[in-house]
Amino acid sequence: MLNREIISIFDMSAAAGWVLEPDAKKIFKLAGFDVSEFAMARTAPEATLFAGAIGYPVAAKVVSPDIIHKSDVSGVALGLKGPEDLEKAYKRFSAMPGFIGVVVEKMLSGVELIIGAKNDSQFGPVVLLGMGGVGVDIYRDTAIRMAPLKREDVELMVSSLAARKVIEGHRGSEPVDMERLISTLINFSQFVMELESRVDSIDLNPVMCSGPNCWIADARIILKASASS
């Protein structure tokens, strides 16, 4: 999965110590993962042009090397219904520290999951799966296994979640395609192994799973100190 273009993005991100969302998404797209349709817009007209092309409603998120946790500074605007809404969001984001643009992307529906990884000093790369979205720090409904994962590892991770019924299809809702989720996690764990020397942690939150699809809707990659020095 690791190639020259991906390595180049890591090298360009070294000074900041982490990979900005549009670059992190590009990394995962280059690695063969499903990523939500998005564009990095550096001006308001660029943002509205892309939104018009993909169709409203859209989401917009601030891009700044000074802002790692966008939701903490209200740097995410969801369900924008037209150019006026998007322009207001852009204007608000542009006043934030270090602002360089916005990510504009198609709104997706489905089960919100978090997929993450951490390079543990004792065990090496470990992979996390849980219920995602803004409530991830409140509910803390997650499961962790050492990488690389096998099919049975993913199945055990899902079965250990308190909210597993949401994944399985609760009260008539569409279940997550387990084959897609399993393959996504297995491939993610293998990619994490390749990135062990470069990456401290990865957060994909949310990963929107609906029917046969699991789309990465947000991504953050924190580099190891040795890789960013």
Protein backbone atom coordinates (compact mmCIF):
# COMPACT_ATOMS: atom_id res chain seq x y z
CA MET A 1 0.00 0.00 0.00
CA LEU A 2 2.86 2.38 0.84
CA ASN A 3 4.14 4.14 -2.27
CA ARG A 4 6.21 7.18 -3.24
CA GLU A 5 3.26 9.56 -3.33
CA ILE A 6 2.17 8.55 0.16
CA ILE A 7 5.74 8.87 1.46
CA SER A 8 5.93 12.34 -0.09
CA ILE A 9 2.83 13.45 1.83
CA PHE A 10 4.36 12.19 5.07
CA ASP A 11 7.60 14.04 4.35
CA MET A 12 5.71 17.29 3.64
CA SER A 13 3.78 16.89 6.90
CA ALA A 14 6.84 16.26 9.07
CA ALA A 15 7.31 19.87 10.17
CA ALA A 16 3.77 20.07 11.55
CA GLY A 17 4.04 16.70 13.30
CA TRP A 18 0.69 15.54 11.96
CA VAL A 19 -1.11 15.12 8.65
CA LEU A 20 -3.90 17.57 7.80
CA GLU A 21 -7.27 16.03 7.00
CA PRO A 22 -7.23 16.49 3.20
CA ASP A 23 -3.74 14.97 3.01
CA ALA A 24 -4.66 12.15 5.39
CA LYS A 25 -7.69 11.32 3.26
CA LYS A 26 -5.53 11.37 0.16
CA ILE A 27 -3.17 8.89 1.80
CA PHE A 28 -6.00 6.46 2.49
CA LYS A 29 -7.45 6.90 -0.98
CA LEU A 30 -4.04 6.17 -2.52
CA ALA A 31 -3.81 3.10 -0.27
CA GLY A 32 -7.05 1.74 -1.74
CA PHE A 33 -9.58 2.62 0.95
CA ASP A 34 -13.03 4.09 0.28
CA VAL A 35 -12.93 7.81 1.07
CA SER A 36 -15.87 10.20 0.94
CA GLU A 37 -15.93 12.56 -2.04
CA PHE A 38 -14.21 15.76 -0.92
CA ALA A 39 -12.22 18.78 -2.03
CA MET A 40 -9.80 21.13 -0.33
CA ALA A 41 -10.96 24.71 -1.02
CA ARG A 42 -8.72 27.69 -0.29
CA THR A 43 -11.32 30.29 -1.25
CA ALA A 44 -15.07 30.61 -0.78
CA PRO A 45 -15.74 30.47 -4.55
CA GLU A 46 -13.75 27.21 -4.78
CA ALA A 47 -15.84 25.77 -1.97
CA THR A 48 -19.19 26.70 -3.53
CA LEU A 49 -18.06 25.52 -6.96
CA PHE A 50 -17.24 22.04 -5.66
CA ALA A 51 -20.38 21.87 -3.51
CA GLY A 52 -22.49 22.76 -6.53
CA ALA A 53 -20.81 19.98 -8.52
CA ILE A 54 -21.45 17.23 -5.96
CA GLY A 55 -24.82 18.55 -4.79
CA TYR A 56 -26.09 19.84 -1.46
CA PRO A 57 -26.30 19.16 1.40
CA VAL A 58 -22.58 19.18 2.17
CA ALA A 59 -20.28 19.25 5.18
CA ALA A 60 -17.51 21.80 5.63
CA LYS A 61 -14.53 21.53 7.99
CA VAL A 62 -11.77 23.95 8.86
CA VAL A 63 -8.24 23.11 7.73
CA SER A 64 -5.49 24.54 9.91
CA PRO A 65 -2.15 23.19 11.16
CA ASP A 66 -3.02 24.86 14.48
CA ILE A 67 -6.29 22.94 14.92
CA ILE A 68 -6.01 19.20 15.46
CA HIS A 69 -9.43 18.67 17.08
CA LYS A 70 -11.87 20.52 14.83
CA SER A 71 -15.00 19.76 16.86
CA ASP A 72 -13.44 21.39 19.96
CA VAL A 73 -13.43 24.78 18.21
CA SER A 74 -16.73 24.32 16.31
CA GLY A 75 -14.71 23.79 13.16
CA VAL A 76 -17.25 21.43 11.58
CA ALA A 77 -20.46 22.48 9.84
CA LEU A 78 -22.85 19.72 8.77
CA GLY A 79 -25.92 19.66 6.55
CA LEU A 80 -25.20 22.90 4.69
CA LYS A 81 -28.13 23.28 2.32
CA GLY A 82 -26.86 25.87 -0.15
CA PRO A 83 -24.17 28.39 -1.13
CA GLU A 84 -25.24 30.90 1.52
CA ASP A 85 -24.82 28.37 4.33
CA LEU A 86 -21.43 27.32 2.98
CA GLU A 87 -20.20 30.89 2.59
CA LYS A 88 -21.20 31.65 6.21
CA ALA A 89 -19.29 28.58 7.41
CA TYR A 90 -16.25 29.55 5.33
CA LYS A 91 -16.28 33.10 6.75
CA ARG A 92 -16.47 31.77 10.32
CA PHE A 93 -13.68 29.26 9.77
CA SER A 94 -11.45 31.86 8.09
CA ALA A 95 -11.15 33.74 11.39
CA MET A 96 -9.70 30.69 13.16
CA PRO A 97 -5.95 30.40 13.96
CA GLY A 98 -3.77 29.17 11.12
CA PHE A 99 -6.66 28.93 8.64
CA ILE A 100 -5.61 27.73 5.18
CA GLY A 101 -8.92 26.52 3.77
CA VAL A 102 -11.86 24.19 4.18
CA VAL A 103 -12.66 20.60 3.32
CA VAL A 104 -16.00 20.34 1.54
CA GLU A 105 -17.55 16.90 1.24
CA LYS A 106 -20.77 15.11 0.44
CA MET A 107 -22.97 14.34 3.42
CA LEU A 108 -23.17 10.62 4.07
CA SER A 109 -25.59 8.54 6.11
CA GLY A 110 -25.07 5.26 7.90
CA VAL A 111 -23.61 3.81 11.09
CA GLU A 112 -20.84 6.02 12.47
CA LEU A 113 -17.82 3.98 13.51
CA ILE A 114 -14.35 4.89 14.67
CA ILE A 115 -11.34 2.94 13.41
CA GLY A 116 -8.04 3.84 14.96
CA ALA A 117 -4.51 2.72 15.61
CA LYS A 118 -1.78 3.43 18.13
CA ASN A 119 1.83 2.34 18.19
CA ASP A 120 2.15 0.98 21.71
CA SER A 121 5.66 1.08 23.17
CA GLN A 122 5.29 -2.47 24.50
CA PHE A 123 3.00 -4.26 22.05
CA GLY A 124 3.59 -2.37 18.80
CA PRO A 125 0.67 -1.38 16.54
CA VAL A 126 -2.79 -1.93 18.03
CA VAL A 127 -6.09 -1.35 16.25
CA LEU A 128 -9.29 0.08 17.71
CA LEU A 129 -12.89 -0.32 16.54
CA GLY A 130 -15.85 1.37 18.15
CA MET A 131 -18.97 3.41 17.81
CA GLY A 132 -17.88 6.75 16.39
CA GLY A 133 -19.05 10.30 15.88
CA VAL A 134 -18.98 13.13 18.39
CA GLY A 135 -20.08 10.81 21.22
CA VAL A 136 -17.01 8.58 21.01
CA ASP A 137 -15.38 10.13 24.11
CA ILE A 138 -18.64 9.91 26.06
CA TYR A 139 -19.68 6.32 25.40
CA ARG A 140 -16.19 4.82 25.02
CA ASP A 141 -17.66 1.73 23.37
CA THR A 142 -14.52 0.34 21.76
CA ALA A 143 -12.53 -2.86 21.27
CA ILE A 144 -8.77 -3.15 20.78
CA ARG A 145 -6.60 -5.88 19.24
CA MET A 146 -2.97 -6.15 18.22
CA ALA A 147 -2.17 -5.75 14.52
CA PRO A 148 -2.26 -7.39 12.09
CA LEU A 149 -5.87 -8.50 12.40
CA LYS A 150 -7.43 -11.71 11.17
CA ARG A 151 -11.07 -12.29 10.36
CA GLU A 152 -11.83 -13.82 13.75
CA ASP A 153 -10.24 -10.80 15.48
CA VAL A 154 -12.65 -8.42 13.76
CA GLU A 155 -15.62 -10.65 14.54
CA LEU A 156 -14.66 -10.71 18.23
CA MET A 157 -14.17 -6.94 18.25
CA VAL A 158 -17.66 -6.37 16.87
CA SER A 159 -19.28 -8.88 19.21
CA SER A 160 -17.67 -7.21 22.25
CA LEU A 161 -19.22 -3.79 21.54
CA ALA A 162 -22.18 -2.83 23.70
CA ALA A 163 -23.82 -1.24 20.65
CA ARG A 164 -23.15 -4.16 18.31
CA LYS A 165 -26.88 -4.39 17.55
CA VAL A 166 -26.60 -1.06 15.74
CA ILE A 167 -24.00 -2.65 13.44
CA GLU A 168 -26.14 -5.74 13.00
CA GLY A 169 -29.26 -3.69 12.13
CA HIS A 170 -31.35 -2.47 15.04
CA ARG A 171 -35.16 -2.23 14.81
CA GLY A 172 -35.28 -2.54 11.07
CA SER A 173 -32.31 -0.31 10.25
CA GLU A 174 -29.96 -1.48 7.51
CA PRO A 175 -27.14 -3.62 8.92
CA VAL A 176 -23.51 -2.90 8.18
CA ASP A 177 -22.06 -5.23 5.55
CA MET A 178 -19.83 -7.39 7.75
CA GLU A 179 -17.70 -8.57 4.85
CA ARG A 180 -16.91 -4.96 3.95
CA LEU A 181 -16.19 -4.05 7.56
CA ILE A 182 -13.96 -7.08 8.04
CA SER A 183 -11.95 -6.41 4.88
CA THR A 184 -11.62 -2.72 5.77
CA LEU A 185 -10.23 -3.49 9.22
CA ILE A 186 -7.89 -6.22 8.01
CA ASN A 187 -6.49 -3.94 5.29
CA PHE A 188 -6.24 -1.06 7.78
CA SER A 189 -4.27 -3.20 10.21
CA GLN A 190 -1.86 -4.24 7.47
CA PHE A 191 -1.40 -0.61 6.43
CA VAL A 192 -0.76 0.34 10.05
CA MET A 193 2.02 -2.25 10.18
CA GLU A 194 3.65 -0.63 7.14
CA LEU A 195 3.46 2.78 8.81
CA GLU A 196 4.85 1.67 12.17
CA SER A 197 8.13 3.60 11.83
CA ARG A 198 6.38 6.83 10.78
CA VAL A 199 3.07 7.06 12.63
CA ASP A 200 2.23 7.39 16.32
CA SER A 201 -1.56 7.23 15.97
CA ILE A 202 -4.40 7.28 13.45
CA ASP A 203 -8.03 8.25 13.98
CA LEU A 204 -10.66 7.62 11.31
CA ASN A 205 -13.79 9.12 12.82
CA PRO A 206 -16.31 8.75 11.52
CA VAL A 207 -16.18 5.86 9.12
CA MET A 208 -19.68 5.87 7.65
CA CYS A 209 -20.94 2.36 7.00
CA SER A 210 -24.15 1.89 5.04
CA GLY A 211 -25.10 -1.21 3.08
CA PRO A 212 -22.03 -2.48 1.23
CA ASN A 213 -19.97 0.68 1.84
CA CYS A 214 -17.63 1.88 4.57
CA TRP A 215 -16.49 5.40 3.72
CA ILE A 216 -13.75 7.28 5.58
CA ALA A 217 -15.36 10.66 6.30
CA ASP A 218 -12.58 12.11 8.46
CA ALA A 219 -8.97 11.16 9.10
CA ARG A 220 -6.19 12.36 11.39
CA ILE A 221 -2.64 10.99 11.45
CA ILE A 222 -0.18 11.92 14.20
CA LEU A 223 3.46 11.33 13.29
CA LYS A 224 6.15 9.88 15.50
CA ALA A 225 8.50 12.48 16.94
CA SER A 226 11.45 10.91 15.12
CA ALA A 227 9.51 11.07 11.82
CA SER A 228 8.60 14.74 12.27
CA SER A 229 11.93 16.07 13.50
